[in-house]
């Protein structure tokens, strides 16, 4: 069966669609890092699918995909990965890490190009060459594992997935240690994006911090959307809901370069606010407006901030604001929010105005 058709017929049985803060921020940032690393090495219009069948799935082409790569992206605050931790099912989990990864091979058969486990932690696994230390390696191909380790993996896969011969696991799978930190991945990714932008065009005026914010927000949105919540019947709909192509990625970089600076935006915005807000209100809004771009970056992985933005966007979309001026709309949206001591009133109102302006 063609890969396009398989992606439709083999819908995910489980979807996390989660916005749990640091874990999923790391997962999304590693996905973006892999996107950047692939950019200069793949001329095809490849597509990254976020939280679809696995943490990340990559199609080799958006029009006529022939192959797909799967990634389990796992963060660890301490210790290393052992074979035992990779083949053991955690509490409430239906499959182990390796079992979940190999299940993609069962579903997508010969279309699977590779299976990958990516982590910030090292892998403490016995190798075929006893002189080599796995803890010193950034990439380990499963075919280089000691025979005893492979026997344990195949035994676990047979038990978990009821397969008779999972021996192809060793030819497909790699264990990779990423340079992306699970504690400060955002800062790193802004830097990696800056390097990519400079390599594409050394004279570019693209703001890498702004590009990161736009792209990471889109990745987060795609990862959180659930296929099961949509009426999905075509390959194109799957791409629209869960994917970002290389071509679309380039469009994000272009937008970041053309995006108006804060002062230019405010000069346009204040024309809408005059005569509606008081002098003191405009003064407070201007101060928060200047802070907003920086805060949108520093708070990109803050769960409360993420939920606030989602709620504001939802209210703007759902509320009937016909006939209301911008102050009435801002006050209406603000009155519907659950307020706390984390964000100041005019910071929240600046977010509302920015979303209305966009």
Protein backbone atom coordinates (compact mmCIF):
# COMPACT_ATOMS: atom_id res chain seq x y z
CA UNK A 1 0.00 0.00 0.00
CA UNK A 2 1.37 3.50 -0.83
CA UNK A 3 2.62 5.45 2.18
CA UNK A 4 0.06 8.23 1.62
CA UNK A 5 -2.74 5.65 1.95
CA UNK A 6 -1.15 3.96 4.98
CA UNK A 7 -1.01 7.27 6.85
CA UNK A 8 -4.77 7.57 6.46
CA UNK A 9 -5.68 3.97 7.25
CA UNK A 10 -3.27 3.64 10.19
CA UNK A 11 -4.52 6.45 12.42
CA UNK A 12 -2.87 6.73 15.88
CA UNK A 13 -4.69 4.80 18.60
CA UNK A 14 -3.25 7.02 21.33
CA UNK A 15 -2.82 10.76 21.20
CA UNK A 16 -1.31 12.76 23.99
CA UNK A 17 -2.03 16.23 22.61
CA UNK A 18 -0.41 17.47 25.79
CA UNK A 19 1.02 20.85 26.73
CA UNK A 20 2.89 19.65 29.81
CA UNK A 21 5.58 22.31 30.19
CA UNK A 22 9.26 21.27 30.16
CA UNK A 23 8.95 17.72 28.83
CA UNK A 24 7.06 18.77 25.74
CA UNK A 25 9.10 21.95 25.28
CA UNK A 26 12.21 19.75 25.05
CA UNK A 27 10.50 17.36 22.66
CA UNK A 28 9.42 20.20 20.38
CA UNK A 29 12.80 21.93 20.51
CA UNK A 30 14.63 18.71 19.63
CA UNK A 31 12.22 18.30 16.72
CA UNK A 32 13.07 21.82 15.56
CA UNK A 33 16.79 21.08 15.98
CA UNK A 34 16.43 17.97 13.79
CA UNK A 35 14.56 20.10 11.24
CA UNK A 36 17.44 22.59 11.15
CA UNK A 37 20.09 19.86 10.86
CA UNK A 38 18.25 18.27 7.95
CA UNK A 39 17.71 21.56 6.13
CA UNK A 40 21.01 21.75 4.23
CA UNK A 41 21.28 18.00 3.67
CA UNK A 42 17.92 17.29 2.05
CA UNK A 43 16.76 19.03 -1.12
CA UNK A 44 13.32 17.42 -1.00
CA UNK A 45 10.31 19.21 0.45
CA UNK A 46 10.28 16.87 3.45
CA UNK A 47 7.58 17.05 6.14
CA UNK A 48 7.87 16.79 9.91
CA UNK A 49 4.78 15.36 11.64
CA UNK A 50 4.60 16.28 15.32
CA UNK A 51 3.20 13.84 17.87
CA UNK A 52 1.77 11.63 15.12
CA UNK A 53 2.24 7.89 15.76
CA UNK A 54 5.38 8.88 17.65
CA UNK A 55 7.01 11.97 19.14
CA UNK A 56 8.18 12.83 15.64
CA UNK A 57 7.72 11.29 12.21
CA UNK A 58 9.46 12.59 9.09
CA UNK A 59 8.20 12.01 5.55
CA UNK A 60 10.80 12.26 2.79
CA UNK A 61 8.46 14.25 0.50
CA UNK A 62 5.20 16.15 0.79
CA UNK A 63 3.78 15.09 -2.57
CA UNK A 64 4.79 11.46 -3.05
CA UNK A 65 6.40 10.17 0.15
CA UNK A 66 8.17 6.86 -0.12
CA UNK A 67 9.91 6.68 3.24
CA UNK A 68 9.33 7.71 6.84
CA UNK A 69 11.62 8.08 9.87
CA UNK A 70 10.34 7.74 13.43
CA UNK A 71 11.74 9.33 16.58
CA UNK A 72 11.20 8.76 20.28
CA UNK A 73 12.45 11.93 22.00
CA UNK A 74 13.16 11.43 25.70
CA UNK A 75 14.57 13.79 28.31
CA UNK A 76 16.36 12.76 31.50
CA UNK A 77 17.37 14.98 34.41
CA UNK A 78 19.89 12.49 35.77
CA UNK A 79 21.46 9.08 35.11
CA UNK A 80 21.88 7.32 31.77
CA UNK A 81 19.67 5.07 29.72
CA UNK A 82 20.20 1.34 30.21
CA UNK A 83 18.79 -1.41 28.08
CA UNK A 84 16.53 -2.37 30.98
CA UNK A 85 14.97 1.10 31.10
CA UNK A 86 14.35 1.04 27.34
CA UNK A 87 12.58 -2.34 27.22
CA UNK A 88 10.67 -1.96 30.49
CA UNK A 89 7.08 -0.75 30.42
CA UNK A 90 6.52 2.18 32.75
CA UNK A 91 3.48 2.29 35.01
CA UNK A 92 0.28 2.88 32.99
CA UNK A 93 2.21 2.59 29.69
CA UNK A 94 0.93 0.16 27.08
CA UNK A 95 4.36 -0.35 25.52
CA UNK A 96 8.01 0.15 26.41
CA UNK A 97 10.05 2.85 24.65
CA UNK A 98 11.53 0.32 22.26
CA UNK A 99 8.17 -1.44 21.83
CA UNK A 100 6.44 1.81 20.93
CA UNK A 101 9.18 2.64 18.45
CA UNK A 102 9.15 -0.77 16.74
CA UNK A 103 5.34 -0.78 16.49
CA UNK A 104 5.79 1.79 13.72
CA UNK A 105 7.71 -0.80 11.70
CA UNK A 106 4.76 -3.18 12.02
CA UNK A 107 2.31 -0.53 10.80
CA UNK A 108 4.35 1.04 8.01
CA UNK A 109 6.42 -1.98 6.96
CA UNK A 110 8.93 -1.37 4.15
CA UNK A 111 8.27 2.38 4.15
CA UNK A 112 10.19 2.79 7.41
CA UNK A 113 13.65 4.21 6.73
CA UNK A 114 14.81 4.39 10.32
CA UNK A 115 13.79 4.14 13.98
CA UNK A 116 15.49 6.52 16.41
CA UNK A 117 15.68 7.15 20.13
CA UNK A 118 16.98 10.66 20.87
CA UNK A 119 17.83 11.92 24.34
CA UNK A 120 19.94 14.45 26.21
CA UNK A 121 21.21 11.54 28.35
CA UNK A 122 23.82 8.99 27.33
CA UNK A 123 23.22 5.30 26.67
CA UNK A 124 24.90 2.73 28.89
CA UNK A 125 24.59 -0.35 26.68
CA UNK A 126 26.98 -3.21 25.98
CA UNK A 127 28.57 -3.04 22.53
CA UNK A 128 29.77 -5.71 20.14
CA UNK A 129 33.26 -4.26 20.47
CA UNK A 130 34.07 -4.58 24.19
CA UNK A 131 36.83 -1.97 23.87
CA UNK A 132 34.32 0.76 23.04
CA UNK A 133 32.42 2.67 25.74
CA UNK A 134 28.83 3.49 24.79
CA UNK A 135 28.77 6.41 27.26
CA UNK A 136 31.30 8.24 25.08
CA UNK A 137 29.29 7.91 21.86
CA UNK A 138 26.76 10.39 20.51
CA UNK A 139 25.30 7.82 18.10
CA UNK A 140 25.00 4.07 18.46
CA UNK A 141 23.55 1.88 15.72
CA UNK A 142 21.68 -1.10 17.10
CA UNK A 143 23.65 -3.38 14.80
CA UNK A 144 26.72 -2.53 16.89
CA UNK A 145 25.16 -3.72 20.15
CA UNK A 146 26.45 -6.87 21.82
CA UNK A 147 24.64 -10.02 20.71
CA UNK A 148 23.27 -10.55 24.20
CA UNK A 149 21.67 -7.07 24.16
CA UNK A 150 20.01 -7.76 20.82
CA UNK A 151 18.65 -11.06 22.10
CA UNK A 152 17.04 -9.24 25.05
CA UNK A 153 15.50 -6.63 22.74
CA UNK A 154 14.08 -9.20 20.33
CA UNK A 155 12.66 -11.23 23.22
CA UNK A 156 10.96 -8.12 24.63
CA UNK A 157 9.52 -7.16 21.24
CA UNK A 158 8.12 -10.66 20.66
CA UNK A 159 6.39 -10.55 24.04
CA UNK A 160 5.04 -6.99 23.70
CA UNK A 161 3.98 -6.96 20.07
CA UNK A 162 3.39 -10.65 19.29
CA UNK A 163 5.81 -10.56 16.36
CA UNK A 164 7.66 -13.67 15.28
CA UNK A 165 10.81 -12.10 13.84
CA UNK A 166 11.83 -8.59 14.93
CA UNK A 167 15.44 -9.12 13.85
CA UNK A 168 15.25 -6.16 11.43
CA UNK A 169 15.22 -3.90 14.51
CA UNK A 170 19.00 -3.91 14.58
CA UNK A 171 19.31 -2.66 11.00
CA UNK A 172 16.79 0.15 11.40
CA UNK A 173 17.45 1.56 14.85
CA UNK A 174 19.86 4.13 16.25
CA UNK A 175 20.34 5.61 19.73
CA UNK A 176 21.34 9.28 19.58
CA UNK A 177 22.50 11.79 22.18
CA UNK A 178 21.42 15.32 21.31
CA UNK A 179 23.31 18.49 22.18
CA UNK A 180 19.99 20.16 23.02
CA UNK A 181 19.66 20.73 26.77
CA UNK A 182 16.47 19.75 28.54
CA UNK A 183 16.78 22.83 30.76
CA UNK A 184 17.62 25.68 28.38
CA UNK A 185 16.70 24.41 24.94
CA UNK A 186 15.07 27.68 23.88
CA UNK A 187 18.31 29.71 24.09
CA UNK A 188 20.16 27.04 22.13
CA UNK A 189 17.53 26.89 19.39
CA UNK A 190 17.55 30.66 18.90
CA UNK A 191 21.31 30.30 18.32
CA UNK A 192 20.95 27.33 15.96
CA UNK A 193 18.29 29.20 13.96
CA UNK A 194 20.58 32.23 13.76
CA UNK A 195 23.36 30.06 12.34
CA UNK A 196 21.00 28.54 9.77
CA UNK A 197 19.64 31.94 8.73
CA UNK A 198 23.17 33.29 8.33
CA UNK A 199 24.19 30.27 6.23
CA UNK A 200 21.20 30.80 3.92
CA UNK A 201 21.80 34.54 3.60
CA UNK A 202 24.60 36.29 5.49
CA UNK A 203 22.91 39.65 4.79
CA UNK A 204 19.51 38.54 6.08
CA UNK A 205 17.54 40.78 8.41
CA UNK A 206 15.59 37.88 9.90
CA UNK A 207 15.30 38.11 13.68
CA UNK A 208 16.26 34.62 14.90
CA UNK A 209 14.51 35.10 18.26
CA UNK A 210 11.31 36.10 16.49
CA UNK A 211 11.69 33.24 14.02
CA UNK A 212 12.09 30.81 16.91
CA UNK A 213 8.97 32.15 18.60
CA UNK A 214 6.88 31.82 15.45
CA UNK A 215 8.13 28.36 14.49
CA UNK A 216 8.11 26.90 18.01
CA UNK A 217 4.56 28.16 18.57
CA UNK A 218 3.50 26.48 15.34
CA UNK A 219 5.20 23.21 16.31
CA UNK A 220 3.50 23.35 19.69
CA UNK A 221 0.13 23.96 18.05
CA UNK A 222 0.60 21.06 15.64
CA UNK A 223 1.75 18.69 18.40
CA UNK A 224 -1.24 19.55 20.59
CA UNK A 225 -3.88 19.05 17.91
CA UNK A 226 -5.53 15.65 17.92
CA UNK A 227 -6.35 13.89 14.70
CA UNK A 228 -9.27 12.20 16.46
CA UNK A 229 -10.86 15.62 17.05
CA UNK A 230 -10.89 16.38 13.33
CA UNK A 231 -12.77 14.97 10.40
CA UNK A 232 -9.70 13.63 8.62
CA UNK A 233 -10.02 11.60 5.46
CA UNK A 234 -7.15 12.72 3.22
CA UNK A 235 -3.37 12.79 3.30
CA UNK A 236 -3.45 16.57 2.78
CA UNK A 237 -5.58 17.04 5.90
CA UNK A 238 -3.08 15.06 7.99
CA UNK A 239 -0.27 17.32 6.76
CA UNK A 240 -2.32 20.43 7.50
CA UNK A 241 -3.16 19.32 11.04
CA UNK A 242 0.14 17.73 12.13
CA UNK A 243 2.87 18.74 9.70
CA UNK A 244 5.36 21.42 8.70
CA UNK A 245 7.16 21.08 5.37
CA UNK A 246 10.55 22.49 4.43
CA UNK A 247 8.83 25.01 2.17
CA UNK A 248 6.54 26.15 4.98
CA UNK A 249 9.53 26.40 7.31
CA UNK A 250 11.16 28.82 4.86
CA UNK A 251 7.99 30.91 4.85
CA UNK A 252 8.26 31.30 8.63
CA UNK A 253 11.80 32.62 8.24
CA UNK A 254 10.59 35.06 5.57
CA UNK A 255 7.80 36.32 7.81
CA UNK A 256 10.26 36.86 10.66
CA UNK A 257 12.33 39.08 8.37
CA UNK A 258 9.35 41.09 7.16
CA UNK A 259 7.75 41.39 10.58
CA UNK A 260 7.35 44.96 11.78
CA UNK A 261 9.46 46.03 14.72
CA UNK A 262 7.89 46.88 18.05
CA UNK A 263 8.07 50.66 17.58
CA UNK A 264 6.45 50.51 14.14
CA UNK A 265 3.66 48.30 15.46
CA UNK A 266 3.02 50.58 18.42
CA UNK A 267 2.90 53.66 16.18
CA UNK A 268 0.08 52.00 14.23
CA UNK A 269 -1.68 50.61 17.29
CA UNK A 270 -1.79 53.90 19.19
CA UNK A 271 -3.89 55.40 16.40
CA UNK A 272 -6.59 52.88 17.32
CA UNK A 273 -6.29 53.50 21.06
CA UNK A 274 -6.36 57.30 21.16
CA UNK A 275 -9.61 58.83 22.46
CA UNK A 276 -10.69 55.40 23.78
CA UNK A 277 -8.15 54.75 26.54
CA UNK A 278 -7.06 57.28 29.16
CA UNK A 279 -3.57 58.78 29.19
CA UNK A 280 -2.53 56.54 32.10
CA UNK A 281 -3.94 53.44 30.38
CA UNK A 282 -2.05 54.17 27.15
CA UNK A 283 1.14 54.78 29.14
CA UNK A 284 0.76 51.41 30.88
CA UNK A 285 -0.08 49.63 27.61
CA UNK A 286 2.93 51.14 25.83
CA UNK A 287 5.27 49.91 28.57
CA UNK A 288 3.86 46.35 28.40
CA UNK A 289 3.84 46.44 24.59
CA UNK A 290 7.59 47.06 24.57
CA UNK A 291 8.11 44.19 27.01
CA UNK A 292 5.83 41.79 25.19
CA UNK A 293 8.19 40.54 22.46
CA UNK A 294 10.90 39.68 25.00
CA UNK A 295 8.41 38.07 27.36
CA UNK A 296 6.87 36.01 24.57
CA UNK A 297 10.29 34.44 24.08
CA UNK A 298 11.26 33.99 27.74
CA UNK A 299 7.79 32.65 28.61
CA UNK A 300 7.50 30.46 25.50
CA UNK A 301 7.52 27.28 27.60
CA UNK A 302 5.57 28.65 30.56
CA UNK A 303 2.38 26.59 30.88
CA UNK A 304 0.33 29.41 32.45
CA UNK A 305 1.37 31.80 29.68
CA UNK A 306 0.55 29.20 27.01
CA UNK A 307 -2.91 28.61 28.47
CA UNK A 308 -3.55 32.36 28.76
CA UNK A 309 -2.78 32.89 25.07
CA UNK A 310 -4.96 29.95 24.07
CA UNK A 311 -7.87 31.30 26.09
CA UNK A 312 -7.53 34.80 24.64
CA UNK A 313 -7.41 33.46 21.07
CA UNK A 314 -10.45 31.30 21.74
CA UNK A 315 -12.44 34.20 23.20
CA UNK A 316 -11.54 36.48 20.29
CA UNK A 317 -12.75 33.83 17.87
CA UNK A 318 -15.94 32.96 19.75
CA UNK A 319 -17.21 36.33 20.99
CA UNK A 320 -19.56 38.44 18.91
CA UNK A 321 -17.82 41.83 18.91
CA UNK A 322 -19.74 43.40 16.05
CA UNK A 323 -20.27 47.11 16.69
CA UNK A 324 -17.77 47.31 19.57
CA UNK A 325 -14.71 49.54 19.54
CA UNK A 326 -11.28 48.16 20.48
CA UNK A 327 -11.51 49.23 24.13
CA UNK A 328 -14.88 47.55 24.55
CA UNK A 329 -13.54 44.39 22.94
CA UNK A 330 -10.43 44.39 25.17
CA UNK A 331 -12.52 44.94 28.30
CA UNK A 332 -14.95 42.20 27.27
CA UNK A 333 -12.19 39.64 26.63
CA UNK A 334 -10.35 40.62 29.82
CA UNK A 335 -13.52 40.23 31.93
CA UNK A 336 -13.90 36.64 30.70
CA UNK A 337 -10.43 35.56 31.81
CA UNK A 338 -9.53 33.92 35.10
CA UNK A 339 -7.23 36.44 36.74
CA UNK A 340 -4.31 35.71 39.02
CA UNK A 341 -1.29 37.48 40.42
CA UNK A 342 1.14 36.13 37.81
CA UNK A 343 0.46 38.62 35.00
CA UNK A 344 -0.37 42.32 35.36
CA UNK A 345 -3.64 43.66 33.97
CA UNK A 346 -2.05 45.74 31.21
CA UNK A 347 0.31 42.96 30.21
CA UNK A 348 -2.75 40.77 29.58
CA UNK A 349 -4.52 43.63 27.78
CA UNK A 350 -1.44 44.18 25.60
CA UNK A 351 -1.63 40.50 24.58
CA UNK A 352 -5.31 40.92 23.70
CA UNK A 353 -4.61 44.03 21.60
CA UNK A 354 -1.69 42.33 19.83
CA UNK A 355 -3.85 39.32 18.92
CA UNK A 356 -6.61 41.62 17.66
CA UNK A 357 -4.05 43.58 15.65
CA UNK A 358 -2.60 40.43 14.09
